[in-house]
């Protein structure tokens, strides 16, 4: 009978150690994910600012009848929209991490 009790205690101790290790892994993954989103947000914000400045320069040019300039303007608008969506996505993911 004592063997079973000792065996049960040993299993419980090992299980408790395993839970602690899993919690440490989860915390590490959480921290790595947070740092990744922070870096990506900085890059995406800088890229969006650059594209937005190019878009403002292109919009300042009043010659919209030129097809090449119109294509460039549309392309810049599309790129700015995509980068803006990327920034919003990263911010949403960061908020989700804070709520965990």
C-alpha atoms as a PDB file:
ATOM      1  CA  UNK A   1       0.000   0.000   0.000  1.00  0.00           C
ATOM      2  CA  UNK A   2       2.839   2.368   0.834  1.00  0.00           C
ATOM      3  CA  UNK A   3       4.319   1.774  -2.613  1.00  0.00           C
ATOM      4  CA  UNK A   4       1.155   2.987  -4.275  1.00  0.00           C
ATOM      5  CA  UNK A   5       1.080   6.111  -2.135  1.00  0.00           C
ATOM      6  CA  UNK A   6       4.726   6.852  -2.920  1.00  0.00           C
ATOM      7  CA  UNK A   7       4.125   6.204  -6.598  1.00  0.00           C
ATOM      8  CA  UNK A   8       1.101   8.507  -6.563  1.00  0.00           C
ATOM      9  CA  UNK A   9       3.091  11.253  -4.817  1.00  0.00           C
ATOM     10  CA  UNK A  10       5.905  10.904  -7.348  1.00  0.00           C
ATOM     11  CA  UNK A  11       3.463  11.217 -10.255  1.00  0.00           C
ATOM     12  CA  UNK A  12       1.854  14.291  -8.693  1.00  0.00           C
ATOM     13  CA  UNK A  13       5.254  15.935  -8.191  1.00  0.00           C
ATOM     14  CA  UNK A  14       6.244  15.273 -11.789  1.00  0.00           C
ATOM     15  CA  UNK A  15       2.919  16.580 -13.036  1.00  0.00           C
ATOM     16  CA  UNK A  16       3.330  19.759 -10.981  1.00  0.00           C
ATOM     17  CA  UNK A  17       6.813  20.328 -12.418  1.00  0.00           C
ATOM     18  CA  UNK A  18       5.468  19.801 -15.934  1.00  0.00           C
ATOM     19  CA  UNK A  19       2.748  22.404 -15.394  1.00  0.00           C
ATOM     20  CA  UNK A  20       5.303  24.954 -14.234  1.00  0.00           C
ATOM     21  CA  UNK A  21       7.428  24.329 -17.306  1.00  0.00           C
ATOM     22  CA  UNK A  22       4.395  24.684 -19.596  1.00  0.00           C
ATOM     23  CA  UNK A  23       3.500  27.968 -17.921  1.00  0.00           C
ATOM     24  CA  UNK A  24       7.052  29.248 -18.462  1.00  0.00           C
ATOM     25  CA  UNK A  25       6.862  28.266 -22.140  1.00  0.00           C
ATOM     26  CA  UNK A  26       3.526  30.046 -22.499  1.00  0.00           C
ATOM     27  CA  UNK A  27       4.898  33.203 -20.891  1.00  0.00           C
ATOM     28  CA  UNK A  28       7.966  33.119 -23.126  1.00  0.00           C
ATOM     29  CA  UNK A  29       5.834  32.716 -26.267  1.00  0.00           C
ATOM     30  CA  UNK A  30       3.634  35.580 -25.088  1.00  0.00           C
ATOM     31  CA  UNK A  31       6.664  37.862 -24.589  1.00  0.00           C
ATOM     32  CA  UNK A  32       8.177  36.928 -27.962  1.00  0.00           C
ATOM     33  CA  UNK A  33       4.848  37.591 -29.687  1.00  0.00           C
ATOM     34  CA  UNK A  34       4.564  40.982 -27.956  1.00  0.00           C
ATOM     35  CA  UNK A  35       8.072  41.981 -29.024  1.00  0.00           C
ATOM     36  CA  UNK A  36       7.381  40.822 -32.585  1.00  0.00           C
ATOM     37  CA  UNK A  37       4.226  42.940 -32.828  1.00  0.00           C
ATOM     38  CA  UNK A  38       6.063  45.944 -31.393  1.00  0.00           C
ATOM     39  CA  UNK A  39       8.776  45.686 -34.067  1.00  0.00           C
ATOM     40  CA  UNK A  40       6.265  45.089 -36.838  1.00  0.00           C
ATOM     41  CA  UNK A  41       4.202  48.075 -35.736  1.00  0.00           C
ATOM     42  CA  UNK A  42       7.219  50.377 -35.899  1.00  0.00           C
ATOM     43  CA  UNK A  43       8.125  49.119 -39.375  1.00  0.00           C
ATOM     44  CA  UNK A  44       4.555  49.270 -40.675  1.00  0.00           C
ATOM     45  CA  UNK A  45       4.012  52.769 -39.293  1.00  0.00           C
ATOM     46  CA  UNK A  46       7.213  54.055 -40.900  1.00  0.00           C
ATOM     47  CA  UNK A  47       6.321  52.428 -44.209  1.00  0.00           C
ATOM     48  CA  UNK A  48       2.811  53.883 -44.074  1.00  0.00           C
ATOM     49  CA  UNK A  49       4.167  57.363 -43.329  1.00  0.00           C
ATOM     50  CA  UNK A  50       6.533  57.152 -46.307  1.00  0.00           C
ATOM     51  CA  UNK A  51       3.792  55.951 -48.658  1.00  0.00           C
ATOM     52  CA  UNK A  52       1.429  58.599 -47.354  1.00  0.00           C
ATOM     53  CA  UNK A  53       3.976  61.341 -48.047  1.00  0.00           C
ATOM     54  CA  UNK A  54       4.465  60.015 -51.592  1.00  0.00           C
ATOM     55  CA  UNK A  55       0.693  59.969 -52.024  1.00  0.00           C
ATOM     56  CA  UNK A  56       0.393  63.579 -50.892  1.00  0.00           C
ATOM     57  CA  UNK A  57       3.082  64.607 -53.389  1.00  0.00           C
ATOM     58  CA  UNK A  58       1.329  62.727 -56.168  1.00  0.00           C
ATOM     59  CA  UNK A  59      -2.033  64.298 -55.278  1.00  0.00           C
ATOM     60  CA  UNK A  60      -0.463  67.740 -55.306  1.00  0.00           C
ATOM     61  CA  UNK A  61       0.292  67.281 -58.992  1.00  0.00           C
ATOM     62  CA  UNK A  62      -2.854  68.566 -60.712  1.00  0.00           C
ATOM     63  CA  UNK A  63      -2.211  66.818 -64.030  1.00  0.00           C
ATOM     64  CA  UNK A  64      -4.598  63.902 -63.530  1.00  0.00           C
ATOM     65  CA  UNK A  65      -5.190  63.409 -67.251  1.00  0.00           C
ATOM     66  CA  UNK A  66      -1.778  61.867 -67.679  1.00  0.00           C
ATOM     67  CA  UNK A  67      -2.378  58.103 -67.588  1.00  0.00           C
ATOM     68  CA  UNK A  68       0.998  57.227 -66.062  1.00  0.00           C
ATOM     69  CA  UNK A  69       0.520  59.694 -63.215  1.00  0.00           C
ATOM     70  CA  UNK A  70      -3.029  58.458 -62.650  1.00  0.00           C
ATOM     71  CA  UNK A  71      -1.834  54.848 -62.434  1.00  0.00           C
ATOM     72  CA  UNK A  72       0.887  55.857 -59.979  1.00  0.00           C
ATOM     73  CA  UNK A  73      -1.636  57.780 -57.866  1.00  0.00           C
ATOM     74  CA  UNK A  74      -4.040  54.830 -57.778  1.00  0.00           C
ATOM     75  CA  UNK A  75      -1.201  52.476 -56.909  1.00  0.00           C
ATOM     76  CA  UNK A  76      -0.076  54.707 -54.043  1.00  0.00           C
ATOM     77  CA  UNK A  77      -3.652  54.951 -52.738  1.00  0.00           C
ATOM     78  CA  UNK A  78      -3.949  51.183 -52.765  1.00  0.00           C
ATOM     79  CA  UNK A  79      -0.581  50.742 -51.018  1.00  0.00           C
ATOM     80  CA  UNK A  80      -1.529  53.305 -48.360  1.00  0.00           C
ATOM     81  CA  UNK A  81      -4.826  51.517 -47.721  1.00  0.00           C
ATOM     82  CA  UNK A  82      -3.093  48.152 -47.341  1.00  0.00           C
ATOM     83  CA  UNK A  83      -0.455  49.543 -44.997  1.00  0.00           C
ATOM     84  CA  UNK A  84      -3.095  51.313 -42.937  1.00  0.00           C
ATOM     85  CA  UNK A  85      -4.972  48.020 -42.588  1.00  0.00           C
ATOM     86  CA  UNK A  86      -1.737  46.305 -41.538  1.00  0.00           C
ATOM     87  CA  UNK A  87      -1.160  48.896 -38.802  1.00  0.00           C
ATOM     88  CA  UNK A  88      -4.732  48.472 -37.533  1.00  0.00           C
ATOM     89  CA  UNK A  89      -4.342  44.671 -37.546  1.00  0.00           C
ATOM     90  CA  UNK A  90      -1.123  44.826 -35.533  1.00  0.00           C
ATOM     91  CA  UNK A  91      -2.697  47.224 -33.040  1.00  0.00           C
ATOM     92  CA  UNK A  92      -5.669  44.885 -32.648  1.00  0.00           C
ATOM     93  CA  UNK A  93      -3.348  41.925 -32.032  1.00  0.00           C
ATOM     94  CA  UNK A  94      -1.425  43.931 -29.446  1.00  0.00           C
ATOM     95  CA  UNK A  95      -4.673  44.751 -27.681  1.00  0.00           C
ATOM     96  CA  UNK A  96      -5.602  41.059 -27.643  1.00  0.00           C
ATOM     97  CA  UNK A  97      -2.232  40.239 -26.075  1.00  0.00           C
ATOM     98  CA  UNK A  98      -2.794  42.809 -23.343  1.00  0.00           C
ATOM     99  CA  UNK A  99      -6.175  41.306 -22.546  1.00  0.00           C
ATOM    100  CA  UNK A 100      -4.764  37.776 -22.101  1.00  0.00           C
END
